[in-house]
């Protein structure tokens, strides 16, 4: 298959309500183990947070008429899938194992704002 015009994602953005950066940091840093990266000063005044882990960047941007993304979602490959899922369950994060694709281990979680996130073993 020939190479297409794209080689990777630069980032994925999810929406969040205004003023909830603390909840975002707790979930994405403390629970998922991502690292916060500073937003450029020109964008920081808009609110929101940016996070990274390996080559993954996830941006949370403030949306005034916020509605969580319940269907569309990022799917993150985890180095220690079982360990991460166990940690999330210990912290009362709802984890739903998906068994609808034969031979594929995966689950869905929801951030504090109701955005769906899929987790898969790397």
PDB file of N, CA and C in Angstrom:
ATOM      1  N   UNK A   1       0.858  -1.176   0.000  1.00  0.00           N
ATOM      2  CA  UNK A   1       0.000   0.000   0.000  1.00  0.00           C
ATOM      3  C   UNK A   1       0.901   1.236   0.000  1.00  0.00           C
ATOM      4  N   UNK A   2       0.703   2.145  -0.929  1.00  0.00           N
ATOM      5  CA  UNK A   2       1.556   3.347  -0.963  1.00  0.00           C
ATOM      6  C   UNK A   2       1.280   4.252   0.221  1.00  0.00           C
ATOM      7  N   UNK A   3       2.306   5.019   0.552  1.00  0.00           N
ATOM      8  CA  UNK A   3       2.144   5.987   1.636  1.00  0.00           C
ATOM      9  C   UNK A   3       1.111   7.027   1.229  1.00  0.00           C
ATOM     10  N   UNK A   4       0.258   7.370   2.177  1.00  0.00           N
ATOM     11  CA  UNK A   4      -0.735   8.404   1.928  1.00  0.00           C
ATOM     12  C   UNK A   4      -0.171   9.767   2.264  1.00  0.00           C
ATOM     13  N   UNK A   5      -1.012  10.771   2.247  1.00  0.00           N
ATOM     14  CA  UNK A   5      -0.537  12.119   2.504  1.00  0.00           C
ATOM     15  C   UNK A   5      -0.259  12.406   3.982  1.00  0.00           C
ATOM     16  N   UNK A   6      -0.696  11.495   4.891  1.00  0.00           N
ATOM     17  CA  UNK A   6      -0.501  11.738   6.324  1.00  0.00           C
ATOM     18  C   UNK A   6       0.305  10.614   6.947  1.00  0.00           C
ATOM     19  N   UNK A   7       1.124  10.951   7.950  1.00  0.00           N
ATOM     20  CA  UNK A   7       1.948   9.933   8.605  1.00  0.00           C
ATOM     21  C   UNK A   7       1.586   9.725  10.067  1.00  0.00           C
ATOM     22  N   UNK A   8       0.930  10.702  10.683  1.00  0.00           N
ATOM     23  CA  UNK A   8       0.554  10.572  12.089  1.00  0.00           C
ATOM     24  C   UNK A   8      -0.383  11.713  12.457  1.00  0.00           C
ATOM     25  N   UNK A   9      -0.940  11.603  13.657  1.00  0.00           N
ATOM     26  CA  UNK A   9      -1.709  12.710  14.212  1.00  0.00           C
ATOM     27  C   UNK A   9      -0.757  13.639  14.943  1.00  0.00           C
ATOM     28  N   UNK A  10      -1.000  14.924  14.864  1.00  0.00           N
ATOM     29  CA  UNK A  10      -0.277  15.862  15.705  1.00  0.00           C
ATOM     30  C   UNK A  10      -0.926  15.891  17.077  1.00  0.00           C
ATOM     31  N   UNK A  11      -2.270  15.941  17.097  1.00  0.00           N
ATOM     32  CA  UNK A  11      -3.001  15.917  18.362  1.00  0.00           C
ATOM     33  C   UNK A  11      -4.470  15.619  18.092  1.00  0.00           C
ATOM     34  N   UNK A  12      -5.168  15.292  19.146  1.00  0.00           N
ATOM     35  CA  UNK A  12      -6.620  15.156  19.120  1.00  0.00           C
ATOM     36  C   UNK A  12      -7.154  16.154  20.130  1.00  0.00           C
ATOM     37  N   UNK A  13      -8.252  16.820  19.788  1.00  0.00           N
ATOM     38  CA  UNK A  13      -8.834  17.773  20.731  1.00  0.00           C
ATOM     39  C   UNK A  13     -10.216  17.302  21.170  1.00  0.00           C
ATOM     40  N   UNK A  14     -10.441  17.404  22.465  1.00  0.00           N
ATOM     41  CA  UNK A  14     -11.753  17.184  23.067  1.00  0.00           C
ATOM     42  C   UNK A  14     -12.204  18.503  23.682  1.00  0.00           C
ATOM     43  N   UNK A  15     -13.487  18.655  23.845  1.00  0.00           N
ATOM     44  CA  UNK A  15     -14.013  19.871  24.464  1.00  0.00           C
ATOM     45  C   UNK A  15     -14.194  19.665  25.963  1.00  0.00           C
ATOM     46  N   UNK A  16     -14.220  20.765  26.672  1.00  0.00           N
ATOM     47  CA  UNK A  16     -14.449  20.753  28.119  1.00  0.00           C
ATOM     48  C   UNK A  16     -15.185  22.036  28.505  1.00  0.00           C
ATOM     49  N   UNK A  17     -15.853  22.027  29.673  1.00  0.00           N
ATOM     50  CA  UNK A  17     -16.492  23.262  30.126  1.00  0.00           C
ATOM     51  C   UNK A  17     -15.465  24.251  30.688  1.00  0.00           C
ATOM     52  N   UNK A  18     -15.789  25.517  30.640  1.00  0.00           N
ATOM     53  CA  UNK A  18     -14.914  26.567  31.171  1.00  0.00           C
ATOM     54  C   UNK A  18     -14.684  26.370  32.676  1.00  0.00           C
ATOM     55  N   UNK A  19     -13.453  26.618  33.117  1.00  0.00           N
ATOM     56  CA  UNK A  19     -13.110  26.623  34.535  1.00  0.00           C
ATOM     57  C   UNK A  19     -12.864  25.257  35.153  1.00  0.00           C
ATOM     58  N   UNK A  20     -12.810  24.203  34.346  1.00  0.00           N
ATOM     59  CA  UNK A  20     -12.651  22.847  34.884  1.00  0.00           C
ATOM     60  C   UNK A  20     -11.248  22.266  34.653  1.00  0.00           C
ATOM     61  N   UNK A  21     -10.265  23.150  34.510  1.00  0.00           N
ATOM     62  CA  UNK A  21      -8.897  22.683  34.254  1.00  0.00           C
ATOM     63  C   UNK A  21      -8.369  21.793  35.379  1.00  0.00           C
ATOM     64  N   UNK A  22      -8.725  22.088  36.629  1.00  0.00           N
ATOM     65  CA  UNK A  22      -8.271  21.260  37.755  1.00  0.00           C
ATOM     66  C   UNK A  22      -8.757  19.825  37.630  1.00  0.00           C
ATOM     67  N   UNK A  23     -10.013  19.648  37.266  1.00  0.00           N
ATOM     68  CA  UNK A  23     -10.562  18.301  37.073  1.00  0.00           C
ATOM     69  C   UNK A  23      -9.873  17.603  35.912  1.00  0.00           C
ATOM     70  N   UNK A  24      -9.570  18.361  34.855  1.00  0.00           N
ATOM     71  CA  UNK A  24      -8.861  17.791  33.702  1.00  0.00           C
ATOM     72  C   UNK A  24      -7.466  17.328  34.108  1.00  0.00           C
ATOM     73  N   UNK A  25      -6.754  18.166  34.863  1.00  0.00           N
ATOM     74  CA  UNK A  25      -5.397  17.796  35.297  1.00  0.00           C
ATOM     75  C   UNK A  25      -5.416  16.554  36.186  1.00  0.00           C
ATOM     76  N   UNK A  26      -6.366  16.490  37.085  1.00  0.00           N
ATOM     77  CA  UNK A  26      -6.456  15.313  37.963  1.00  0.00           C
ATOM     78  C   UNK A  26      -6.674  14.052  37.129  1.00  0.00           C
ATOM     79  N   UNK A  27      -7.611  14.086  36.211  1.00  0.00           N
ATOM     80  CA  UNK A  27      -7.934  12.905  35.420  1.00  0.00           C
ATOM     81  C   UNK A  27      -6.786  12.524  34.486  1.00  0.00           C
ATOM     82  N   UNK A  28      -6.341  13.475  33.665  1.00  0.00           N
ATOM     83  CA  UNK A  28      -5.367  13.136  32.629  1.00  0.00           C
ATOM     84  C   UNK A  28      -3.945  12.959  33.173  1.00  0.00           C
ATOM     85  N   UNK A  29      -3.568  13.690  34.205  1.00  0.00           N
ATOM     86  CA  UNK A  29      -2.226  13.544  34.779  1.00  0.00           C
ATOM     87  C   UNK A  29      -2.213  12.492  35.889  1.00  0.00           C
ATOM     88  N   UNK A  30      -3.016  12.709  36.928  1.00  0.00           N
ATOM     89  CA  UNK A  30      -2.964  11.838  38.097  1.00  0.00           C
ATOM     90  C   UNK A  30      -3.486  10.436  37.820  1.00  0.00           C
ATOM     91  N   UNK A  31      -4.558  10.312  37.062  1.00  0.00           N
ATOM     92  CA  UNK A  31      -5.145   8.997  36.826  1.00  0.00           C
ATOM     93  C   UNK A  31      -4.611   8.322  35.569  1.00  0.00           C
ATOM     94  N   UNK A  32      -4.561   9.039  34.452  1.00  0.00           N
ATOM     95  CA  UNK A  32      -4.078   8.417  33.220  1.00  0.00           C
ATOM     96  C   UNK A  32      -2.555   8.426  33.109  1.00  0.00           C
ATOM     97  N   UNK A  33      -1.881   9.291  33.867  1.00  0.00           N
ATOM     98  CA  UNK A  33      -0.418   9.320  33.834  1.00  0.00           C
ATOM     99  C   UNK A  33       0.171  10.160  32.724  1.00  0.00           C
ATOM    100  N   UNK A  34      -0.635  11.040  32.130  1.00  0.00           N
ATOM    101  CA  UNK A  34      -0.111  11.929  31.097  1.00  0.00           C
ATOM    102  C   UNK A  34       0.597  13.107  31.760  1.00  0.00           C
ATOM    103  N   UNK A  35       1.302  13.866  30.959  1.00  0.00           N
ATOM    104  CA  UNK A  35       2.021  15.038  31.456  1.00  0.00           C
ATOM    105  C   UNK A  35       1.406  16.281  30.817  1.00  0.00           C
ATOM    106  N   UNK A  36       1.191  17.314  31.606  1.00  0.00           N
ATOM    107  CA  UNK A  36       0.664  18.553  31.029  1.00  0.00           C
ATOM    108  C   UNK A  36       1.781  19.294  30.313  1.00  0.00           C
ATOM    109  N   UNK A  37       1.456  19.831  29.154  1.00  0.00           N
ATOM    110  CA  UNK A  37       2.404  20.669  28.425  1.00  0.00           C
ATOM    111  C   UNK A  37       1.799  22.067  28.329  1.00  0.00           C
ATOM    112  N   UNK A  38       2.638  23.096  28.408  1.00  0.00           N
ATOM    113  CA  UNK A  38       2.099  24.460  28.381  1.00  0.00           C
ATOM    114  C   UNK A  38       1.507  24.808  27.027  1.00  0.00           C
ATOM    115  N   UNK A  39       0.397  25.514  27.068  1.00  0.00           N
ATOM    116  CA  UNK A  39      -0.189  26.042  25.844  1.00  0.00           C
ATOM    117  C   UNK A  39       0.589  27.298  25.455  1.00  0.00           C
ATOM    118  N   UNK A  40       0.665  27.602  24.174  1.00  0.00           N
ATOM    119  CA  UNK A  40       1.289  28.871  23.775  1.00  0.00           C
ATOM    120  C   UNK A  40       0.550  30.028  24.436  1.00  0.00           C
ATOM    121  N   UNK A  41       1.280  31.069  24.852  1.00  0.00           N
ATOM    122  CA  UNK A  41       0.652  32.198  25.552  1.00  0.00           C
ATOM    123  C   UNK A  41      -0.563  32.776  24.820  1.00  0.00           C
ATOM    124  N   UNK A  42      -0.504  32.785  23.480  1.00  0.00           N
ATOM    125  CA  UNK A  42      -1.614  33.339  22.700  1.00  0.00           C
ATOM    126  C   UNK A  42      -2.892  32.526  22.883  1.00  0.00           C
ATOM    127  N   UNK A  43      -2.750  31.222  23.187  1.00  0.00           N
ATOM    128  CA  UNK A  43      -3.907  30.340  23.331  1.00  0.00           C
ATOM    129  C   UNK A  43      -4.290  30.105  24.790  1.00  0.00           C
ATOM    130  N   UNK A  44      -3.367  30.345  25.701  1.00  0.00           N
ATOM    131  CA  UNK A  44      -3.611  30.057  27.119  1.00  0.00           C
ATOM    132  C   UNK A  44      -4.776  30.857  27.684  1.00  0.00           C
ATOM    133  N   UNK A  45      -5.001  32.038  27.167  1.00  0.00           N
ATOM    134  CA  UNK A  45      -6.080  32.879  27.687  1.00  0.00           C
ATOM    135  C   UNK A  45      -7.465  32.301  27.380  1.00  0.00           C
ATOM    136  N   UNK A  46      -7.538  31.357  26.469  1.00  0.00           N
ATOM    137  CA  UNK A  46      -8.816  30.736  26.110  1.00  0.00           C
ATOM    138  C   UNK A  46      -9.246  29.666  27.119  1.00  0.00           C
ATOM    139  N   UNK A  47      -8.331  29.269  28.011  1.00  0.00           N
ATOM    140  CA  UNK A  47      -8.615  28.177  28.939  1.00  0.00           C
ATOM    141  C   UNK A  47      -8.297  26.837  28.295  1.00  0.00           C
ATOM    142  N   UNK A  48      -8.549  25.780  29.047  1.00  0.00           N
ATOM    143  CA  UNK A  48      -8.241  24.447  28.550  1.00  0.00           C
ATOM    144  C   UNK A  48      -6.855  24.006  28.957  1.00  0.00           C
ATOM    145  N   UNK A  49      -6.494  22.794  28.574  1.00  0.00           N
ATOM    146  CA  UNK A  49      -5.200  22.189  28.937  1.00  0.00           C
ATOM    147  C   UNK A  49      -4.737  21.289  27.802  1.00  0.00           C
ATOM    148  N   UNK A  50      -3.428  21.131  27.705  1.00  0.00           N
ATOM    149  CA  UNK A  50      -2.843  20.201  26.746  1.00  0.00           C
ATOM    150  C   UNK A  50      -2.051  19.154  27.526  1.00  0.00           C
ATOM    151  N   UNK A  51      -2.121  17.900  27.054  1.00  0.00           N
ATOM    152  CA  UNK A  51      -1.440  16.788  27.714  1.00  0.00           C
ATOM    153  C   UNK A  51      -0.687  15.958  26.686  1.00  0.00           C
ATOM    154  N   UNK A  52       0.356  15.268  27.160  1.00  0.00           N
ATOM    155  CA  UNK A  52       1.143  14.420  26.274  1.00  0.00           C
ATOM    156  C   UNK A  52       1.562  13.145  27.002  1.00  0.00           C
ATOM    157  N   UNK A  53       1.814  12.118  26.212  1.00  0.00           N
ATOM    158  CA  UNK A  53       2.384  10.855  26.685  1.00  0.00           C
ATOM    159  C   UNK A  53       2.950  10.156  25.460  1.00  0.00           C
ATOM    160  N   UNK A  54       4.261   9.907  25.457  1.00  0.00           N
ATOM    161  CA  UNK A  54       4.885   9.335  24.270  1.00  0.00           C
ATOM    162  C   UNK A  54       4.663  10.269  23.096  1.00  0.00           C
ATOM    163  N   UNK A  55       4.160   9.728  21.991  1.00  0.00           N
ATOM    164  CA  UNK A  55       3.908  10.561  20.807  1.00  0.00           C
ATOM    165  C   UNK A  55       2.460  11.065  20.759  1.00  0.00           C
ATOM    166  N   UNK A  56       1.706  10.829  21.821  1.00  0.00           N
ATOM    167  CA  UNK A  56       0.295  11.227  21.869  1.00  0.00           C
ATOM    168  C   UNK A  56       0.156  12.611  22.488  1.00  0.00           C
ATOM    169  N   UNK A  57      -0.593  13.475  21.825  1.00  0.00           N
ATOM    170  CA  UNK A  57      -0.984  14.759  22.419  1.00  0.00           C
ATOM    171  C   UNK A  57      -2.497  14.834  22.409  1.00  0.00           C
ATOM    172  N   UNK A  58      -3.043  15.196  23.550  1.00  0.00           N
ATOM    173  CA  UNK A  58      -4.476  15.374  23.690  1.00  0.00           C
ATOM    174  C   UNK A  58      -4.711  16.784  24.204  1.00  0.00           C
ATOM    175  N   UNK A  59      -5.483  17.555  23.470  1.00  0.00           N
ATOM    176  CA  UNK A  59      -5.773  18.935  23.839  1.00  0.00           C
ATOM    177  C   UNK A  59      -7.217  19.012  24.311  1.00  0.00           C
ATOM    178  N   UNK A  60      -7.446  19.719  25.394  1.00  0.00           N
ATOM    179  CA  UNK A  60      -8.798  19.991  25.872  1.00  0.00           C
ATOM    180  C   UNK A  60      -9.044  21.480  25.693  1.00  0.00           C
ATOM    181  N   UNK A  61     -10.040  21.797  24.895  1.00  0.00           N
ATOM    182  CA  UNK A  61     -10.368  23.187  24.632  1.00  0.00           C
ATOM    183  C   UNK A  61     -11.729  23.538  25.204  1.00  0.00           C
ATOM    184  N   UNK A  62     -11.842  24.746  25.722  1.00  0.00           N
ATOM    185  CA  UNK A  62     -13.096  25.214  26.305  1.00  0.00           C
ATOM    186  C   UNK A  62     -14.113  25.448  25.191  1.00  0.00           C
ATOM    187  N   UNK A  63     -15.288  24.912  25.397  1.00  0.00           N
ATOM    188  CA  UNK A  63     -16.400  25.119  24.475  1.00  0.00           C
ATOM    189  C   UNK A  63     -17.540  25.728  25.278  1.00  0.00           C
ATOM    190  N   UNK A  64     -17.954  26.923  24.903  1.00  0.00           N
ATOM    191  CA  UNK A  64     -18.965  27.648  25.684  1.00  0.00           C
ATOM    192  C   UNK A  64     -20.275  26.878  25.796  1.00  0.00           C
ATOM    193  N   UNK A  65     -20.743  26.304  24.713  1.00  0.00           N
ATOM    194  CA  UNK A  65     -21.974  25.517  24.734  1.00  0.00           C
ATOM    195  C   UNK A  65     -21.590  24.040  24.806  1.00  0.00           C
ATOM    196  N   UNK A  66     -20.853  23.686  25.861  1.00  0.00           N
ATOM    197  CA  UNK A  66     -20.245  22.358  25.966  1.00  0.00           C
ATOM    198  C   UNK A  66     -21.273  21.231  25.973  1.00  0.00           C
ATOM    199  N   UNK A  67     -20.986  20.218  25.164  1.00  0.00           N
ATOM    200  CA  UNK A  67     -21.702  18.944  25.175  1.00  0.00           C
ATOM    201  C   UNK A  67     -20.639  17.866  25.032  1.00  0.00           C
ATOM    202  N   UNK A  68     -20.648  16.850  25.902  1.00  0.00           N
ATOM    203  CA  UNK A  68     -19.612  15.823  25.812  1.00  0.00           C
ATOM    204  C   UNK A  68     -19.706  15.023  24.521  1.00  0.00           C
ATOM    205  N   UNK A  69     -18.575  14.530  24.103  1.00  0.00           N
ATOM    206  CA  UNK A  69     -18.490  13.676  22.926  1.00  0.00           C
ATOM    207  C   UNK A  69     -18.723  12.232  23.378  1.00  0.00           C
ATOM    208  N   UNK A  70     -19.911  11.729  23.157  1.00  0.00           N
ATOM    209  CA  UNK A  70     -20.276  10.392  23.630  1.00  0.00           C
ATOM    210  C   UNK A  70     -20.002   9.305  22.602  1.00  0.00           C
ATOM    211  N   UNK A  71     -19.949   9.639  21.324  1.00  0.00           N
ATOM    212  CA  UNK A  71     -19.695   8.661  20.276  1.00  0.00           C
ATOM    213  C   UNK A  71     -18.278   8.827  19.722  1.00  0.00           C
ATOM    214  N   UNK A  72     -17.982  10.001  19.149  1.00  0.00           N
ATOM    215  CA  UNK A  72     -16.635  10.259  18.635  1.00  0.00           C
ATOM    216  C   UNK A  72     -15.665  10.224  19.806  1.00  0.00           C
ATOM    217  N   UNK A  73     -14.461   9.655  19.602  1.00  0.00           N
ATOM    218  CA  UNK A  73     -13.536   9.494  20.721  1.00  0.00           C
ATOM    219  C   UNK A  73     -12.125   9.209  20.227  1.00  0.00           C
ATOM    220  N   UNK A  74     -11.128   9.555  21.043  1.00  0.00           N
ATOM    221  CA  UNK A  74      -9.769   9.077  20.759  1.00  0.00           C
ATOM    222  C   UNK A  74      -9.625   7.658  21.299  1.00  0.00           C
ATOM    223  N   UNK A  75      -8.802   6.871  20.651  1.00  0.00           N
ATOM    224  CA  UNK A  75      -8.475   5.522  21.114  1.00  0.00           C
ATOM    225  C   UNK A  75      -6.981   5.517  21.436  1.00  0.00           C
ATOM    226  N   UNK A  76      -6.646   5.282  22.701  1.00  0.00           N
ATOM    227  CA  UNK A  76      -5.270   5.364  23.177  1.00  0.00           C
ATOM    228  C   UNK A  76      -4.705   3.971  23.415  1.00  0.00           C
ATOM    229  N   UNK A  77      -3.532   3.689  22.856  1.00  0.00           N
ATOM    230  CA  UNK A  77      -2.842   2.411  23.078  1.00  0.00           C
ATOM    231  C   UNK A  77      -1.981   2.547  24.327  1.00  0.00           C
ATOM    232  N   UNK A  78      -2.147   1.603  25.258  1.00  0.00           N
ATOM    233  CA  UNK A  78      -1.519   1.674  26.583  1.00  0.00           C
ATOM    234  C   UNK A  78      -0.396   0.652  26.728  1.00  0.00           C
ATOM    235  N   UNK A  79       0.751   1.089  27.217  1.00  0.00           N
ATOM    236  CA  UNK A  79       1.862   0.192  27.486  1.00  0.00           C
ATOM    237  C   UNK A  79       1.533  -0.817  28.570  1.00  0.00           C
ATOM    238  N   UNK A  80       0.840  -0.403  29.616  1.00  0.00           N
ATOM    239  CA  UNK A  80       0.417  -1.296  30.696  1.00  0.00           C
ATOM    240  C   UNK A  80      -1.097  -1.201  30.821  1.00  0.00           C
ATOM    241  N   UNK A  81      -1.772  -1.790  29.862  1.00  0.00           N
ATOM    242  CA  UNK A  81      -3.228  -1.729  29.802  1.00  0.00           C
ATOM    243  C   UNK A  81      -3.860  -2.246  31.089  1.00  0.00           C
ATOM    244  N   UNK A  82      -3.468  -3.442  31.526  1.00  0.00           N
ATOM    245  CA  UNK A  82      -4.077  -4.038  32.724  1.00  0.00           C
ATOM    246  C   UNK A  82      -3.828  -3.178  33.960  1.00  0.00           C
ATOM    247  N   UNK A  83      -2.627  -2.637  34.098  1.00  0.00           N
ATOM    248  CA  UNK A  83      -2.308  -1.793  35.246  1.00  0.00           C
ATOM    249  C   UNK A  83      -3.103  -0.499  35.239  1.00  0.00           C
ATOM    250  N   UNK A  84      -3.239   0.108  34.064  1.00  0.00           N
ATOM    251  CA  UNK A  84      -3.993   1.354  33.970  1.00  0.00           C
ATOM    252  C   UNK A  84      -5.467   1.115  34.270  1.00  0.00           C
ATOM    253  N   UNK A  85      -6.034   0.063  33.704  1.00  0.00           N
ATOM    254  CA  UNK A  85      -7.447  -0.247  33.952  1.00  0.00           C
ATOM    255  C   UNK A  85      -7.677  -0.508  35.436  1.00  0.00           C
ATOM    256  N   UNK A  86      -6.764  -1.247  36.071  1.00  0.00           N
ATOM    257  CA  UNK A  86      -6.899  -1.515  37.512  1.00  0.00           C
ATOM    258  C   UNK A  86      -6.837  -0.215  38.312  1.00  0.00           C
ATOM    259  N   UNK A  87      -5.908   0.671  37.969  1.00  0.00           N
ATOM    260  CA  UNK A  87      -5.788   1.947  38.686  1.00  0.00           C
ATOM    261  C   UNK A  87      -7.056   2.785  38.518  1.00  0.00           C
ATOM    262  N   UNK A  88      -7.594   2.819  37.310  1.00  0.00           N
ATOM    263  CA  UNK A  88      -8.814   3.586  37.074  1.00  0.00           C
ATOM    264  C   UNK A  88      -9.975   3.037  37.900  1.00  0.00           C
ATOM    265  N   UNK A  89     -10.106   1.718  37.936  1.00  0.00           N
ATOM    266  CA  UNK A  89     -11.179   1.102  38.724  1.00  0.00           C
ATOM    267  C   UNK A  89     -11.009   1.401  40.211  1.00  0.00           C
ATOM    268  N   UNK A  90      -9.761   1.389  40.696  1.00  0.00           N
ATOM    269  CA  UNK A  90      -9.493   1.714  42.103  1.00  0.00           C
ATOM    270  C   UNK A  90      -9.946   3.129  42.440  1.00  0.00           C
ATOM    271  N   UNK A  91      -9.916   4.011  41.460  1.00  0.00           N
ATOM    272  CA  UNK A  91     -10.321   5.407  41.671  1.00  0.00           C
ATOM    273  C   UNK A  91     -11.756   5.661  41.210  1.00  0.00           C
ATOM    274  N   UNK A  92     -12.527   4.598  41.131  1.00  0.00           N
ATOM    275  CA  UNK A  92     -13.954   4.668  40.799  1.00  0.00           C
ATOM    276  C   UNK A  92     -14.245   5.288  39.432  1.00  0.00           C
ATOM    277  N   UNK A  93     -13.322   5.137  38.498  1.00  0.00           N
ATOM    278  CA  UNK A  93     -13.585   5.548  37.119  1.00  0.00           C
ATOM    279  C   UNK A  93     -14.351   4.399  36.465  1.00  0.00           C
ATOM    280  N   UNK A  94     -15.459   4.721  35.820  1.00  0.00           N
ATOM    281  CA  UNK A  94     -16.266   3.712  35.138  1.00  0.00           C
ATOM    282  C   UNK A  94     -15.485   3.167  33.949  1.00  0.00           C
ATOM    283  N   UNK A  95     -15.285   1.845  33.927  1.00  0.00           N
ATOM    284  CA  UNK A  95     -14.567   1.164  32.855  1.00  0.00           C
ATOM    285  C   UNK A  95     -15.513   0.114  32.280  1.00  0.00           C
ATOM    286  N   UNK A  96     -15.792   0.221  31.003  1.00  0.00           N
ATOM    287  CA  UNK A  96     -16.663  -0.742  30.335  1.00  0.00           C
ATOM    288  C   UNK A  96     -15.824  -1.523  29.319  1.00  0.00           C
ATOM    289  N   UNK A  97     -15.631  -2.811  29.595  1.00  0.00           N
ATOM    290  CA  UNK A  97     -14.907  -3.670  28.658  1.00  0.00           C
ATOM    291  C   UNK A  97     -15.782  -3.864  27.425  1.00  0.00           C
ATOM    292  N   UNK A  98     -15.200  -3.734  26.242  1.00  0.00           N
ATOM    293  CA  UNK A  98     -15.922  -3.921  24.982  1.00  0.00           C
ATOM    294  C   UNK A  98     -15.503  -5.267  24.391  1.00  0.00           C
ATOM    295  N   UNK A  99     -16.449  -6.122  24.177  1.00  0.00           N
ATOM    296  CA  UNK A  99     -16.159  -7.467  23.650  1.00  0.00           C
ATOM    297  C   UNK A  99     -16.832  -7.693  22.304  1.00  0.00           C
ATOM    298  N   UNK A 100     -17.138  -6.609  21.590  1.00  0.00           N
ATOM    299  CA  UNK A 100     -17.882  -6.721  20.348  1.00  0.00           C
ATOM    300  C   UNK A 100     -17.018  -6.939  19.108  1.00  0.00           C
ATOM    301  N   UNK A 101     -15.694  -6.871  19.240  1.00  0.00           N
ATOM    302  CA  UNK A 101     -14.789  -7.170  18.126  1.00  0.00           C
ATOM    303  C   UNK A 101     -13.966  -8.391  18.540  1.00  0.00           C
ATOM    304  N   UNK A 102     -14.212  -9.547  17.934  1.00  0.00           N
ATOM    305  CA  UNK A 102     -13.493 -10.770  18.321  1.00  0.00           C
ATOM    306  C   UNK A 102     -11.977 -10.586  18.254  1.00  0.00           C
ATOM    307  N   UNK A 103     -11.301 -11.004  19.314  1.00  0.00           N
ATOM    308  CA  UNK A 103      -9.846 -10.954  19.372  1.00  0.00           C
ATOM    309  C   UNK A 103      -9.264  -9.597  19.721  1.00  0.00           C
ATOM    310  N   UNK A 104     -10.091  -8.603  19.994  1.00  0.00           N
ATOM    311  CA  UNK A 104      -9.593  -7.261  20.319  1.00  0.00           C
ATOM    312  C   UNK A 104      -9.954  -6.935  21.758  1.00  0.00           C
ATOM    313  N   UNK A 105      -8.929  -6.714  22.562  1.00  0.00           N
ATOM    314  CA  UNK A 105      -9.144  -6.295  23.950  1.00  0.00           C
ATOM    315  C   UNK A 105      -9.185  -4.771  23.977  1.00  0.00           C
ATOM    316  N   UNK A 106     -10.242  -4.234  24.552  1.00  0.00           N
ATOM    317  CA  UNK A 106     -10.372  -2.783  24.641  1.00  0.00           C
ATOM    318  C   UNK A 106     -11.448  -2.455  25.660  1.00  0.00           C
ATOM    319  N   UNK A 107     -11.442  -1.195  26.101  1.00  0.00           N
ATOM    320  CA  UNK A 107     -12.480  -0.726  27.010  1.00  0.00           C
ATOM    321  C   UNK A 107     -12.746   0.734  26.743  1.00  0.00           C
ATOM    322  N   UNK A 108     -13.841   1.215  27.323  1.00  0.00           N
ATOM    323  CA  UNK A 108     -14.190   2.627  27.225  1.00  0.00           C
ATOM    324  C   UNK A 108     -14.245   3.219  28.622  1.00  0.00           C
ATOM    325  N   UNK A 109     -13.750   4.442  28.715  1.00  0.00           N
ATOM    326  CA  UNK A 109     -13.831   5.215  29.952  1.00  0.00           C
ATOM    327  C   UNK A 109     -14.384   6.585  29.566  1.00  0.00           C
ATOM    328  N   UNK A 110     -14.715   7.390  30.546  1.00  0.00           N
ATOM    329  CA  UNK A 110     -15.227   8.732  30.294  1.00  0.00           C
ATOM    330  C   UNK A 110     -14.457   9.710  31.167  1.00  0.00           C
ATOM    331  N   UNK A 111     -14.040  10.819  30.574  1.00  0.00           N
ATOM    332  CA  UNK A 111     -13.343  11.839  31.355  1.00  0.00           C
ATOM    333  C   UNK A 111     -14.346  12.513  32.293  1.00  0.00           C
ATOM    334  N   UNK A 112     -13.906  13.420  33.159  1.00  0.00           N
ATOM    335  CA  UNK A 112     -14.832  14.035  34.126  1.00  0.00           C
ATOM    336  C   UNK A 112     -15.972  14.820  33.478  1.00  0.00           C
ATOM    337  N   UNK A 113     -15.857  15.085  32.181  1.00  0.00           N
ATOM    338  CA  UNK A 113     -16.849  15.894  31.488  1.00  0.00           C
ATOM    339  C   UNK A 113     -17.794  15.055  30.640  1.00  0.00           C
ATOM    340  N   UNK A 114     -17.574  13.732  30.616  1.00  0.00           N
ATOM    341  CA  UNK A 114     -18.437  12.835  29.863  1.00  0.00           C
ATOM    342  C   UNK A 114     -17.943  12.489  28.478  1.00  0.00           C
ATOM    343  N   UNK A 115     -16.727  12.931  28.102  1.00  0.00           N
ATOM    344  CA  UNK A 115     -16.152  12.564  26.808  1.00  0.00           C
ATOM    345  C   UNK A 115     -15.678  11.111  26.855  1.00  0.00           C
ATOM    346  N   UNK A 116     -16.058  10.332  25.851  1.00  0.00           N
ATOM    347  CA  UNK A 116     -15.645   8.927  25.787  1.00  0.00           C
ATOM    348  C   UNK A 116     -14.205   8.817  25.302  1.00  0.00           C
ATOM    349  N   UNK A 117     -13.461   7.883  25.908  1.00  0.00           N
ATOM    350  CA  UNK A 117     -12.088   7.576  25.529  1.00  0.00           C
ATOM    351  C   UNK A 117     -11.966   6.054  25.468  1.00  0.00           C
ATOM    352  N   UNK A 118     -11.399   5.554  24.410  1.00  0.00           N
ATOM    353  CA  UNK A 118     -11.165   4.117  24.269  1.00  0.00           C
ATOM    354  C   UNK A 118      -9.715   3.810  24.647  1.00  0.00           C
ATOM    355  N   UNK A 119      -9.517   2.714  25.373  1.00  0.00           N
ATOM    356  CA  UNK A 119      -8.178   2.248  25.742  1.00  0.00           C
ATOM    357  C   UNK A 119      -7.957   0.871  25.143  1.00  0.00           C
ATOM    358  N   UNK A 120      -6.756   0.655  24.596  1.00  0.00           N
ATOM    359  CA  UNK A 120      -6.370  -0.634  24.024  1.00  0.00           C
ATOM    360  C   UNK A 120      -4.955  -0.965  24.482  1.00  0.00           C
ATOM    361  N   UNK A 121      -4.618  -2.250  24.600  1.00  0.00           N
ATOM    362  CA  UNK A 121      -3.225  -2.589  24.900  1.00  0.00           C
ATOM    363  C   UNK A 121      -2.336  -2.223  23.704  1.00  0.00           C
ATOM    364  N   UNK A 122      -1.118  -1.780  23.976  1.00  0.00           N
ATOM    365  CA  UNK A 122      -0.179  -1.426  22.894  1.00  0.00           C
ATOM    366  C   UNK A 122       0.327  -2.677  22.210  1.00  0.00           C
TER     367      UNK A 122
END
